[in-house]
Amino acid sequence: MKRNNNLQINQLFVLVNAVNLQGSQGKIYFALMNPLRCWIIELLKARGALNSSDLASILNISLGRCYYHLDNLTDLVKQDKEQQYFLSDEGIKAHQLLVGPKKLIDTLR
């Protein structure tokens, strides 16, 4: 339950900032407004490169749903020659946006 609360707080932070941004930064915030996309970012940061089947299995979602969310992360997630997804430089920055508010909240507790 605590993880869900932190994710909701992070999404609120992302939404508030998305309203004020345009261009590539706005796209990053828009991509992170969905919890599944946030989890994909977290998984790729924690586990490194994964293929779409592994991501779908870990997230317990269909492969089609996984592809839909990966398509919405095109600036943040890249694919190598072996069809493995990994975080781009922008994806690493996006991960920092996700963990930043959590670190602040944990410090305040």
N, C-alpha and C. Protein backbone atom coordinates (compact mmCIF):
# COMPACT_ATOMS: atom_id res chain seq x y z
N MET A 1 0.82 -1.19 0.00
CA MET A 1 0.00 0.00 0.00
C MET A 1 0.87 1.26 0.00
N LYS A 2 1.98 1.23 0.77
CA LYS A 2 2.86 2.39 0.82
C LYS A 2 3.40 2.72 -0.56
N ARG A 3 3.74 1.70 -1.34
CA ARG A 3 4.26 1.93 -2.70
C ARG A 3 3.22 2.64 -3.55
N ASN A 4 1.96 2.24 -3.44
CA ASN A 4 0.90 2.89 -4.22
C ASN A 4 0.74 4.34 -3.81
N ASN A 5 0.82 4.64 -2.51
CA ASN A 5 0.71 6.03 -2.07
C ASN A 5 1.85 6.87 -2.61
N ASN A 6 3.07 6.33 -2.57
CA ASN A 6 4.22 7.06 -3.11
C ASN A 6 4.06 7.29 -4.61
N LEU A 7 3.56 6.27 -5.32
CA LEU A 7 3.36 6.41 -6.75
C LEU A 7 2.31 7.47 -7.05
N GLN A 8 1.23 7.51 -6.26
CA GLN A 8 0.19 8.52 -6.46
C GLN A 8 0.75 9.92 -6.20
N ILE A 9 1.56 10.07 -5.18
CA ILE A 9 2.16 11.37 -4.88
C ILE A 9 3.10 11.77 -6.02
N ASN A 10 3.88 10.82 -6.51
CA ASN A 10 4.79 11.10 -7.62
C ASN A 10 4.01 11.50 -8.86
N GLN A 11 2.89 10.82 -9.13
CA GLN A 11 2.08 11.16 -10.30
C GLN A 11 1.49 12.56 -10.15
N LEU A 12 1.08 12.94 -8.96
CA LEU A 12 0.55 14.28 -8.74
C LEU A 12 1.63 15.31 -9.02
N PHE A 13 2.84 15.05 -8.54
CA PHE A 13 3.97 15.93 -8.80
C PHE A 13 4.21 16.06 -10.31
N VAL A 14 4.17 14.94 -11.00
CA VAL A 14 4.37 14.92 -12.45
C VAL A 14 3.28 15.71 -13.15
N LEU A 15 2.03 15.53 -12.76
CA LEU A 15 0.90 16.22 -13.38
C LEU A 15 1.01 17.73 -13.19
N VAL A 16 1.33 18.17 -12.00
CA VAL A 16 1.47 19.60 -11.72
C VAL A 16 2.55 20.20 -12.60
N ASN A 17 3.67 19.51 -12.75
CA ASN A 17 4.75 20.03 -13.56
C ASN A 17 4.46 19.95 -15.05
N ALA A 18 3.69 18.96 -15.47
CA ALA A 18 3.36 18.81 -16.90
C ALA A 18 2.56 19.98 -17.42
N VAL A 19 1.73 20.56 -16.58
CA VAL A 19 0.90 21.69 -16.99
C VAL A 19 1.77 22.88 -17.38
N ASN A 20 2.92 23.02 -16.74
CA ASN A 20 3.76 24.19 -16.95
C ASN A 20 4.86 24.00 -18.00
N LEU A 21 4.95 22.82 -18.60
CA LEU A 21 6.04 22.55 -19.52
C LEU A 21 5.56 22.31 -20.93
N GLN A 22 6.43 22.58 -21.87
CA GLN A 22 6.16 22.31 -23.27
C GLN A 22 7.34 21.57 -23.85
N GLY A 23 7.20 21.08 -25.04
CA GLY A 23 8.30 20.42 -25.73
C GLY A 23 8.65 19.09 -25.12
N SER A 24 9.95 18.75 -25.17
CA SER A 24 10.38 17.42 -24.74
C SER A 24 10.15 17.18 -23.26
N GLN A 25 10.33 18.20 -22.43
CA GLN A 25 10.07 18.02 -21.01
C GLN A 25 8.59 17.73 -20.75
N GLY A 26 7.73 18.39 -21.47
CA GLY A 26 6.30 18.14 -21.33
C GLY A 26 5.95 16.72 -21.73
N LYS A 27 6.62 16.19 -22.76
CA LYS A 27 6.40 14.81 -23.19
C LYS A 27 6.83 13.83 -22.10
N ILE A 28 7.93 14.14 -21.44
CA ILE A 28 8.39 13.28 -20.35
C ILE A 28 7.35 13.22 -19.25
N TYR A 29 6.87 14.38 -18.85
CA TYR A 29 5.88 14.40 -17.77
C TYR A 29 4.59 13.72 -18.20
N PHE A 30 4.18 13.91 -19.44
CA PHE A 30 2.97 13.24 -19.93
C PHE A 30 3.15 11.73 -19.89
N ALA A 31 4.30 11.25 -20.32
CA ALA A 31 4.57 9.81 -20.33
C ALA A 31 4.51 9.23 -18.92
N LEU A 32 4.94 9.99 -17.94
CA LEU A 32 5.01 9.50 -16.57
C LEU A 32 3.70 9.64 -15.79
N MET A 33 2.67 10.14 -16.42
CA MET A 33 1.39 10.29 -15.72
C MET A 33 0.65 8.96 -15.58
N ASN A 34 1.11 7.91 -16.22
CA ASN A 34 0.46 6.61 -16.13
C ASN A 34 1.29 5.69 -15.23
N PRO A 35 0.65 5.04 -14.24
CA PRO A 35 1.42 4.20 -13.32
C PRO A 35 2.17 3.04 -13.99
N LEU A 36 1.59 2.44 -15.02
CA LEU A 36 2.29 1.35 -15.70
C LEU A 36 3.57 1.84 -16.35
N ARG A 37 3.52 3.03 -16.94
CA ARG A 37 4.73 3.57 -17.56
C ARG A 37 5.78 3.90 -16.50
N CYS A 38 5.33 4.36 -15.35
CA CYS A 38 6.26 4.61 -14.24
C CYS A 38 6.91 3.30 -13.80
N TRP A 39 6.12 2.25 -13.72
CA TRP A 39 6.67 0.95 -13.31
C TRP A 39 7.65 0.42 -14.34
N ILE A 40 7.36 0.64 -15.62
CA ILE A 40 8.30 0.23 -16.68
C ILE A 40 9.63 0.94 -16.50
N ILE A 41 9.57 2.25 -16.26
CA ILE A 41 10.79 3.03 -16.03
C ILE A 41 11.54 2.47 -14.81
N GLU A 42 10.82 2.21 -13.72
CA GLU A 42 11.46 1.69 -12.52
C GLU A 42 12.08 0.32 -12.76
N LEU A 43 11.36 -0.55 -13.48
CA LEU A 43 11.88 -1.89 -13.77
C LEU A 43 13.15 -1.82 -14.61
N LEU A 44 13.15 -1.01 -15.64
CA LEU A 44 14.31 -0.91 -16.51
C LEU A 44 15.51 -0.32 -15.77
N LYS A 45 15.25 0.59 -14.86
CA LYS A 45 16.34 1.16 -14.07
C LYS A 45 16.89 0.11 -13.11
N ALA A 46 16.00 -0.65 -12.48
CA ALA A 46 16.42 -1.61 -11.47
C ALA A 46 17.05 -2.87 -12.08
N ARG A 47 16.50 -3.35 -13.19
CA ARG A 47 16.93 -4.64 -13.74
C ARG A 47 17.75 -4.53 -15.01
N GLY A 48 17.84 -3.36 -15.57
CA GLY A 48 18.56 -3.21 -16.83
C GLY A 48 17.67 -3.57 -18.00
N ALA A 49 18.25 -3.93 -19.12
CA ALA A 49 17.50 -4.20 -20.34
C ALA A 49 16.61 -5.43 -20.19
N LEU A 50 15.38 -5.30 -20.68
CA LEU A 50 14.40 -6.39 -20.67
C LEU A 50 13.67 -6.41 -22.00
N ASN A 51 13.24 -7.58 -22.44
CA ASN A 51 12.41 -7.63 -23.65
C ASN A 51 10.95 -7.40 -23.28
N SER A 52 10.13 -7.20 -24.27
CA SER A 52 8.72 -6.87 -24.03
C SER A 52 7.98 -8.00 -23.33
N SER A 53 8.30 -9.24 -23.64
CA SER A 53 7.64 -10.38 -23.00
C SER A 53 7.95 -10.42 -21.51
N ASP A 54 9.21 -10.16 -21.17
CA ASP A 54 9.58 -10.12 -19.75
C ASP A 54 8.87 -8.99 -19.02
N LEU A 55 8.83 -7.82 -19.64
CA LEU A 55 8.14 -6.69 -19.03
C LEU A 55 6.66 -7.02 -18.80
N ALA A 56 6.01 -7.55 -19.83
CA ALA A 56 4.58 -7.89 -19.72
C ALA A 56 4.36 -8.92 -18.62
N SER A 57 5.23 -9.90 -18.54
CA SER A 57 5.10 -10.95 -17.52
C SER A 57 5.28 -10.38 -16.11
N ILE A 58 6.31 -9.57 -15.92
CA ILE A 58 6.57 -8.98 -14.61
C ILE A 58 5.42 -8.08 -14.18
N LEU A 59 4.88 -7.31 -15.12
CA LEU A 59 3.79 -6.38 -14.82
C LEU A 59 2.42 -7.06 -14.81
N ASN A 60 2.39 -8.33 -15.25
CA ASN A 60 1.14 -9.09 -15.31
C ASN A 60 0.11 -8.40 -16.21
N ILE A 61 0.57 -8.00 -17.40
CA ILE A 61 -0.30 -7.37 -18.39
C ILE A 61 -0.11 -8.10 -19.72
N SER A 62 -1.03 -7.86 -20.63
CA SER A 62 -0.91 -8.47 -21.96
C SER A 62 0.26 -7.84 -22.72
N LEU A 63 0.75 -8.57 -23.69
CA LEU A 63 1.84 -8.06 -24.52
C LEU A 63 1.40 -6.82 -25.29
N GLY A 64 0.16 -6.83 -25.78
CA GLY A 64 -0.36 -5.67 -26.50
C GLY A 64 -0.41 -4.43 -25.64
N ARG A 65 -0.85 -4.60 -24.39
CA ARG A 65 -0.88 -3.46 -23.46
C ARG A 65 0.53 -2.97 -23.16
N CYS A 66 1.46 -3.90 -23.06
CA CYS A 66 2.85 -3.53 -22.82
C CYS A 66 3.39 -2.71 -23.99
N TYR A 67 3.13 -3.17 -25.22
CA TYR A 67 3.58 -2.42 -26.40
C TYR A 67 2.96 -1.02 -26.45
N TYR A 68 1.69 -0.92 -26.08
CA TYR A 68 1.03 0.38 -26.08
C TYR A 68 1.79 1.36 -25.17
N HIS A 69 2.13 0.90 -23.98
CA HIS A 69 2.82 1.79 -23.04
C HIS A 69 4.26 2.04 -23.47
N LEU A 70 4.92 1.06 -24.04
CA LEU A 70 6.27 1.28 -24.56
C LEU A 70 6.26 2.31 -25.69
N ASP A 71 5.21 2.26 -26.52
CA ASP A 71 5.08 3.26 -27.60
C ASP A 71 4.93 4.67 -27.05
N ASN A 72 4.36 4.80 -25.86
CA ASN A 72 4.21 6.11 -25.23
C ASN A 72 5.48 6.54 -24.48
N LEU A 73 6.47 5.70 -24.49
CA LEU A 73 7.74 6.00 -23.82
C LEU A 73 8.89 6.13 -24.81
N THR A 74 8.59 6.45 -26.07
CA THR A 74 9.61 6.42 -27.12
C THR A 74 10.81 7.33 -26.84
N ASP A 75 10.62 8.45 -26.16
CA ASP A 75 11.75 9.33 -25.84
C ASP A 75 12.54 8.83 -24.64
N LEU A 76 11.93 7.98 -23.83
CA LEU A 76 12.54 7.55 -22.57
C LEU A 76 13.12 6.15 -22.63
N VAL A 77 12.58 5.33 -23.51
CA VAL A 77 12.98 3.93 -23.61
C VAL A 77 13.41 3.64 -25.04
N LYS A 78 14.53 3.01 -25.20
CA LYS A 78 15.05 2.64 -26.52
C LYS A 78 15.16 1.12 -26.59
N GLN A 79 15.34 0.62 -27.80
CA GLN A 79 15.44 -0.81 -28.03
C GLN A 79 16.75 -1.11 -28.75
N ASP A 80 17.45 -2.14 -28.29
CA ASP A 80 18.71 -2.51 -28.93
C ASP A 80 18.48 -3.56 -30.01
N LYS A 81 19.55 -4.04 -30.61
CA LYS A 81 19.46 -5.00 -31.72
C LYS A 81 18.85 -6.34 -31.31
N GLU A 82 18.96 -6.68 -30.03
CA GLU A 82 18.40 -7.93 -29.52
C GLU A 82 16.96 -7.76 -29.04
N GLN A 83 16.33 -6.64 -29.39
CA GLN A 83 14.94 -6.35 -29.02
C GLN A 83 14.76 -6.16 -27.50
N GLN A 84 15.83 -5.76 -26.84
CA GLN A 84 15.78 -5.48 -25.40
C GLN A 84 15.53 -3.98 -25.21
N TYR A 85 14.64 -3.66 -24.29
CA TYR A 85 14.35 -2.26 -23.99
C TYR A 85 15.25 -1.80 -22.85
N PHE A 86 15.70 -0.56 -22.95
CA PHE A 86 16.55 0.03 -21.92
C PHE A 86 16.24 1.52 -21.83
N LEU A 87 16.64 2.14 -20.72
CA LEU A 87 16.40 3.57 -20.54
C LEU A 87 17.37 4.39 -21.38
N SER A 88 16.84 5.37 -22.07
CA SER A 88 17.69 6.34 -22.77
C SER A 88 18.21 7.34 -21.73
N ASP A 89 19.02 8.28 -22.17
CA ASP A 89 19.48 9.33 -21.25
C ASP A 89 18.29 10.10 -20.69
N GLU A 90 17.29 10.35 -21.55
CA GLU A 90 16.07 11.03 -21.09
C GLU A 90 15.30 10.15 -20.10
N GLY A 91 15.33 8.84 -20.31
CA GLY A 91 14.67 7.91 -19.40
C GLY A 91 15.30 7.91 -18.03
N ILE A 92 16.61 8.04 -17.99
CA ILE A 92 17.31 8.12 -16.70
C ILE A 92 16.91 9.40 -15.98
N LYS A 93 16.81 10.50 -16.73
CA LYS A 93 16.34 11.75 -16.13
C LYS A 93 14.91 11.61 -15.62
N ALA A 94 14.08 10.93 -16.39
CA ALA A 94 12.69 10.72 -15.98
C ALA A 94 12.63 9.90 -14.69
N HIS A 95 13.51 8.91 -14.58
CA HIS A 95 13.55 8.12 -13.35
C HIS A 95 13.88 9.00 -12.16
N GLN A 96 14.78 9.95 -12.36
CA GLN A 96 15.11 10.88 -11.28
C GLN A 96 13.89 11.71 -10.86
N LEU A 97 13.04 12.05 -11.82
CA LEU A 97 11.80 12.77 -11.49
C LEU A 97 10.88 11.90 -10.64
N LEU A 98 10.89 10.61 -10.91
CA LEU A 98 10.03 9.70 -10.15
C LEU A 98 10.53 9.50 -8.72
N VAL A 99 11.82 9.36 -8.56
CA VAL A 99 12.35 9.09 -7.22
C VAL A 99 12.59 10.35 -6.42
N GLY A 100 12.70 11.49 -7.08
CA GLY A 100 12.94 12.75 -6.37
C GLY A 100 11.88 13.06 -5.33
N PRO A 101 10.60 13.12 -5.69
CA PRO A 101 9.56 13.41 -4.70
C PRO A 101 9.49 12.35 -3.61
N LYS A 102 9.75 11.09 -3.96
CA LYS A 102 9.70 10.02 -2.97
C LYS A 102 10.78 10.25 -1.92
N LYS A 103 12.00 10.60 -2.37
CA LYS A 103 13.08 10.86 -1.42
C LYS A 103 12.73 12.03 -0.50
N LEU A 104 12.12 13.08 -1.08
CA LEU A 104 11.72 14.23 -0.28
C LEU A 104 10.67 13.84 0.75
N ILE A 105 9.68 13.07 0.34
CA ILE A 105 8.61 12.65 1.24
C ILE A 105 9.17 11.75 2.35
N ASP A 106 10.05 10.82 1.98
CA ASP A 106 10.64 9.95 3.00
C ASP A 106 11.47 10.75 4.00
N THR A 107 12.13 11.80 3.55
CA THR A 107 12.92 12.65 4.43
C THR A 107 12.01 13.39 5.42
N LEU A 108 10.84 13.79 4.96
CA LEU A 108 9.92 14.55 5.81
C LEU A 108 9.21 13.67 6.84
N ARG A 109 9.20 12.39 6.64
CA ARG A 109 8.50 11.47 7.57
C ARG A 109 9.27 11.27 8.83
